[in-house]
Amino acid sequence: MVIAKTAPSAQQDAPSRETTEHWLWAAAPDTSLTEDDHPWSGKWLWFTPLSLLDRSWATIRTATEDGLLGYCSKAATLLNTRTKSDDTRRPICVYTRDWRNIDDVQRVLTNLRALGIVDVLLYKTDSDTRKGRYGTGASTFVAPATKMKLVIPKRTREALEHQHAARAQARRTAAARRKVPVPKRT
């Protein structure tokens, strides 16, 4: 794994030294960290070794603030631990507004790889997180180590196909409504 040698500029920017917050956040230009959740948002998850957490976060934070990644990113601090989690790693999350926009999800993955991140990356919808889906099978997309192309699991493929079919049906219904003359009332 290659990480840019940008050191955190202040203690609050170093997840390993943060003592009051569970997450440190960064926003892309013209994005407010207080903006509401996007209904289709999701995130790339990079489970970073503790020894590289601060440097990794500095790289992601800078790329996010430069507009190269998603609309925001966050890094877990040492306060952020879950039962059954790996105590030797912390997640860094890079958010996209719409998991269904595969081109944007792929763009962010490509830029993460360009930053030198070669580990396995998992993509998960915020909806799945809110529903408590964690662990095996919870990922919407997977990017195997060093690979630039995302893998779409069967569950996600089926959801996307269902969504495309529903959109097509809605378009057909709308078109049919436009073609049917409205009966005149007397």
Protein backbone atom coordinates (compact mmCIF):
# COMPACT_ATOMS: atom_id res chain seq x y z
CA MET A 1 0.00 0.00 0.00
CA VAL A 2 1.39 3.40 -0.98
CA ILE A 3 0.23 6.39 1.04
CA ALA A 4 1.02 10.01 0.29
CA LYS A 5 3.46 11.41 2.82
CA THR A 6 1.18 14.20 3.92
CA ALA A 7 1.24 14.48 7.69
CA PRO A 8 -1.89 15.59 9.53
CA SER A 9 -1.70 19.31 10.19
CA ALA A 10 -3.26 19.28 13.64
CA GLN A 11 -4.12 16.80 16.36
CA GLN A 12 -7.83 16.91 15.51
CA ASP A 13 -6.92 15.74 12.00
CA ALA A 14 -5.19 12.62 13.32
CA PRO A 15 -7.69 9.83 14.02
CA SER A 16 -5.19 8.03 16.23
CA ARG A 17 -5.00 11.03 18.57
CA GLU A 18 -8.64 12.12 18.57
CA THR A 19 -10.10 11.76 22.06
CA THR A 20 -13.59 13.26 21.82
CA GLU A 21 -15.11 12.23 18.48
CA HIS A 22 -15.80 8.80 17.02
CA TRP A 23 -15.36 10.05 13.44
CA LEU A 24 -13.35 12.75 11.68
CA TRP A 25 -15.01 14.21 8.59
CA ALA A 26 -13.97 15.94 5.37
CA ALA A 27 -16.18 17.49 2.70
CA ALA A 28 -15.74 18.09 -1.00
CA PRO A 29 -15.88 21.68 -2.23
CA ASP A 30 -19.37 23.18 -2.10
CA THR A 31 -20.55 20.40 0.22
CA SER A 32 -21.71 20.99 3.74
CA LEU A 33 -20.98 18.35 6.33
CA THR A 34 -24.36 19.15 7.82
CA GLU A 35 -26.30 18.37 4.66
CA ASP A 36 -28.95 15.70 4.96
CA ASP A 37 -28.34 12.11 4.02
CA HIS A 38 -28.93 11.33 0.42
CA PRO A 39 -31.55 8.59 0.04
CA TRP A 40 -29.33 6.50 -2.24
CA SER A 41 -25.95 7.32 -0.70
CA GLY A 42 -23.29 4.75 -0.02
CA LYS A 43 -19.59 4.55 0.71
CA TRP A 44 -16.37 2.83 -0.16
CA LEU A 45 -14.93 1.25 2.98
CA TRP A 46 -11.19 0.94 3.43
CA PHE A 47 -10.21 -0.94 6.57
CA THR A 48 -6.91 0.72 7.33
CA PRO A 49 -4.22 -0.69 9.64
CA LEU A 50 -3.82 1.45 12.76
CA SER A 51 -0.16 2.03 11.93
CA LEU A 52 -1.21 3.80 8.70
CA LEU A 53 -4.44 5.41 9.90
CA ASP A 54 -3.25 9.00 10.23
CA ARG A 55 -1.34 9.08 6.94
CA SER A 56 -4.18 7.26 5.17
CA TRP A 57 -6.73 9.73 6.49
CA ALA A 58 -4.56 12.69 5.48
CA THR A 59 -4.50 11.34 1.92
CA ILE A 60 -8.25 10.73 1.77
CA ARG A 61 -9.10 14.01 3.50
CA THR A 62 -6.99 16.01 1.04
CA ALA A 63 -8.37 14.19 -2.00
CA THR A 64 -11.92 14.70 -0.75
CA GLU A 65 -11.37 18.39 -0.07
CA ASP A 66 -9.82 18.71 -3.54
CA GLY A 67 -12.98 17.22 -5.09
CA LEU A 68 -11.32 14.05 -6.37
CA LEU A 69 -13.46 11.57 -4.45
CA GLY A 70 -17.05 11.55 -3.23
CA TYR A 71 -19.00 14.33 -1.56
CA CYS A 72 -17.56 13.56 1.88
CA SER A 73 -15.32 11.15 3.75
CA LYS A 74 -14.83 10.08 7.32
CA ALA A 75 -12.25 8.20 9.36
CA ALA A 76 -12.92 6.21 12.49
CA THR A 77 -10.93 7.27 15.52
CA LEU A 78 -9.61 4.99 18.21
CA LEU A 79 -12.82 5.71 20.14
CA ASN A 80 -14.78 3.99 17.40
CA THR A 81 -14.87 0.30 18.18
CA ARG A 82 -17.61 -2.21 17.63
CA THR A 83 -17.91 -5.57 19.25
CA LYS A 84 -16.61 -8.29 16.97
CA SER A 85 -14.52 -5.75 15.06
CA ASP A 86 -10.85 -5.98 14.20
CA ASP A 87 -8.98 -3.87 16.76
CA THR A 88 -5.97 -3.58 14.44
CA ARG A 89 -7.85 -1.60 11.77
CA ARG A 90 -10.26 1.30 11.45
CA PRO A 91 -12.55 2.13 8.55
CA ILE A 92 -12.14 5.13 6.32
CA CYS A 93 -15.32 5.80 4.34
CA VAL A 94 -15.61 7.69 1.06
CA TYR A 95 -19.21 8.59 0.24
CA THR A 96 -21.06 8.86 -3.05
CA ARG A 97 -24.53 10.35 -3.38
CA ASP A 98 -26.10 7.51 -5.36
CA TRP A 99 -24.96 3.89 -5.28
CA ARG A 100 -27.04 3.25 -8.39
CA ASN A 101 -24.77 5.59 -10.38
CA ILE A 102 -22.19 2.95 -11.18
CA ASP A 103 -20.13 5.39 -13.27
CA ASP A 104 -19.62 7.64 -10.23
CA VAL A 105 -18.95 4.70 -7.90
CA GLN A 106 -16.37 3.46 -10.43
CA ARG A 107 -14.87 6.97 -10.77
CA VAL A 108 -14.29 7.16 -7.02
CA LEU A 109 -12.76 3.66 -7.02
CA THR A 110 -10.44 4.62 -9.87
CA ASN A 111 -9.32 7.72 -7.97
CA LEU A 112 -8.79 5.72 -4.77
CA ARG A 113 -6.56 3.33 -6.72
CA ALA A 114 -4.73 6.31 -8.26
CA LEU A 115 -3.97 7.48 -4.72
CA GLY A 116 -2.13 4.20 -4.19
CA ILE A 117 -4.78 2.31 -2.25
CA VAL A 118 -4.38 -1.30 -3.32
CA ASP A 119 -6.26 -3.11 -0.53
CA VAL A 120 -9.63 -4.78 -0.93
CA LEU A 121 -12.33 -2.11 -0.87
CA LEU A 122 -15.96 -2.74 -0.05
CA TYR A 123 -18.89 -0.53 -1.04
CA LYS A 124 -21.98 -0.46 1.12
CA THR A 125 -25.20 1.51 0.91
CA ASP A 126 -26.14 3.74 3.80
CA SER A 127 -29.54 2.08 3.72
CA ASP A 128 -27.90 -1.25 4.55
CA THR A 129 -25.95 0.39 7.37
CA ARG A 130 -29.14 1.90 8.82
CA LYS A 131 -30.74 -1.56 8.62
CA GLY A 132 -27.85 -3.02 10.62
CA ARG A 133 -26.41 -5.13 7.80
CA TYR A 134 -22.76 -5.80 8.56
CA GLY A 135 -20.25 -8.48 7.71
CA THR A 136 -20.27 -11.05 4.95
CA GLY A 137 -22.80 -10.32 2.25
CA ALA A 138 -23.43 -6.72 3.28
CA SER A 139 -21.36 -5.20 0.46
CA THR A 140 -23.10 -3.74 -2.55
CA PHE A 141 -19.87 -3.75 -4.58
CA VAL A 142 -16.42 -5.21 -4.03
CA ALA A 143 -13.09 -4.09 -5.45
CA PRO A 144 -10.57 -6.92 -5.06
CA ALA A 145 -7.06 -5.91 -4.01
CA THR A 146 -5.23 -3.95 -6.73
CA LYS A 147 -8.19 -4.22 -9.15
CA MET A 148 -9.66 -1.15 -10.83
CA LYS A 149 -12.96 -2.77 -11.75
CA LEU A 150 -15.70 -3.25 -9.22
CA VAL A 151 -17.42 -6.59 -8.79
CA ILE A 152 -21.20 -6.54 -8.61
CA PRO A 153 -22.55 -9.31 -6.36
CA LYS A 154 -25.70 -11.17 -7.42
CA ARG A 155 -27.85 -9.41 -4.79
CA THR A 156 -26.86 -6.00 -6.18
CA ARG A 157 -27.29 -7.08 -9.80
CA GLU A 158 -30.81 -8.25 -9.02
CA ALA A 159 -31.64 -4.98 -7.24
CA LEU A 160 -30.33 -2.94 -10.17
CA GLU A 161 -32.25 -5.07 -12.67
CA HIS A 162 -35.43 -4.67 -10.62
CA GLN A 163 -34.91 -0.93 -10.46
CA HIS A 164 -34.31 -0.68 -14.22
CA ALA A 165 -37.43 -2.76 -14.90
CA ALA A 166 -39.50 -0.56 -12.58
CA ARG A 167 -38.23 2.60 -14.30
CA ALA A 168 -38.99 1.14 -17.73
CA GLN A 169 -42.50 0.22 -16.61
CA ALA A 170 -43.04 3.72 -15.23
CA ARG A 171 -41.91 5.22 -18.55
CA ARG A 172 -44.26 2.92 -20.48
CA THR A 173 -47.15 3.80 -18.17
CA ALA A 174 -46.48 7.52 -18.51
CA ALA A 175 -46.25 7.22 -22.29
CA ALA A 176 -49.51 5.27 -22.41
CA ARG A 177 -51.24 7.92 -20.31
CA ARG A 178 -50.12 10.62 -22.70
CA LYS A 179 -51.52 8.67 -25.67
CA VAL A 180 -54.91 7.87 -24.17
CA PRO A 181 -57.39 10.67 -24.81
CA VAL A 182 -59.14 11.94 -21.75
CA PRO A 183 -62.88 11.29 -22.07
CA LYS A 184 -64.98 14.41 -22.26
CA ARG A 185 -67.48 14.89 -19.52
CA THR A 186 -70.91 16.13 -20.42
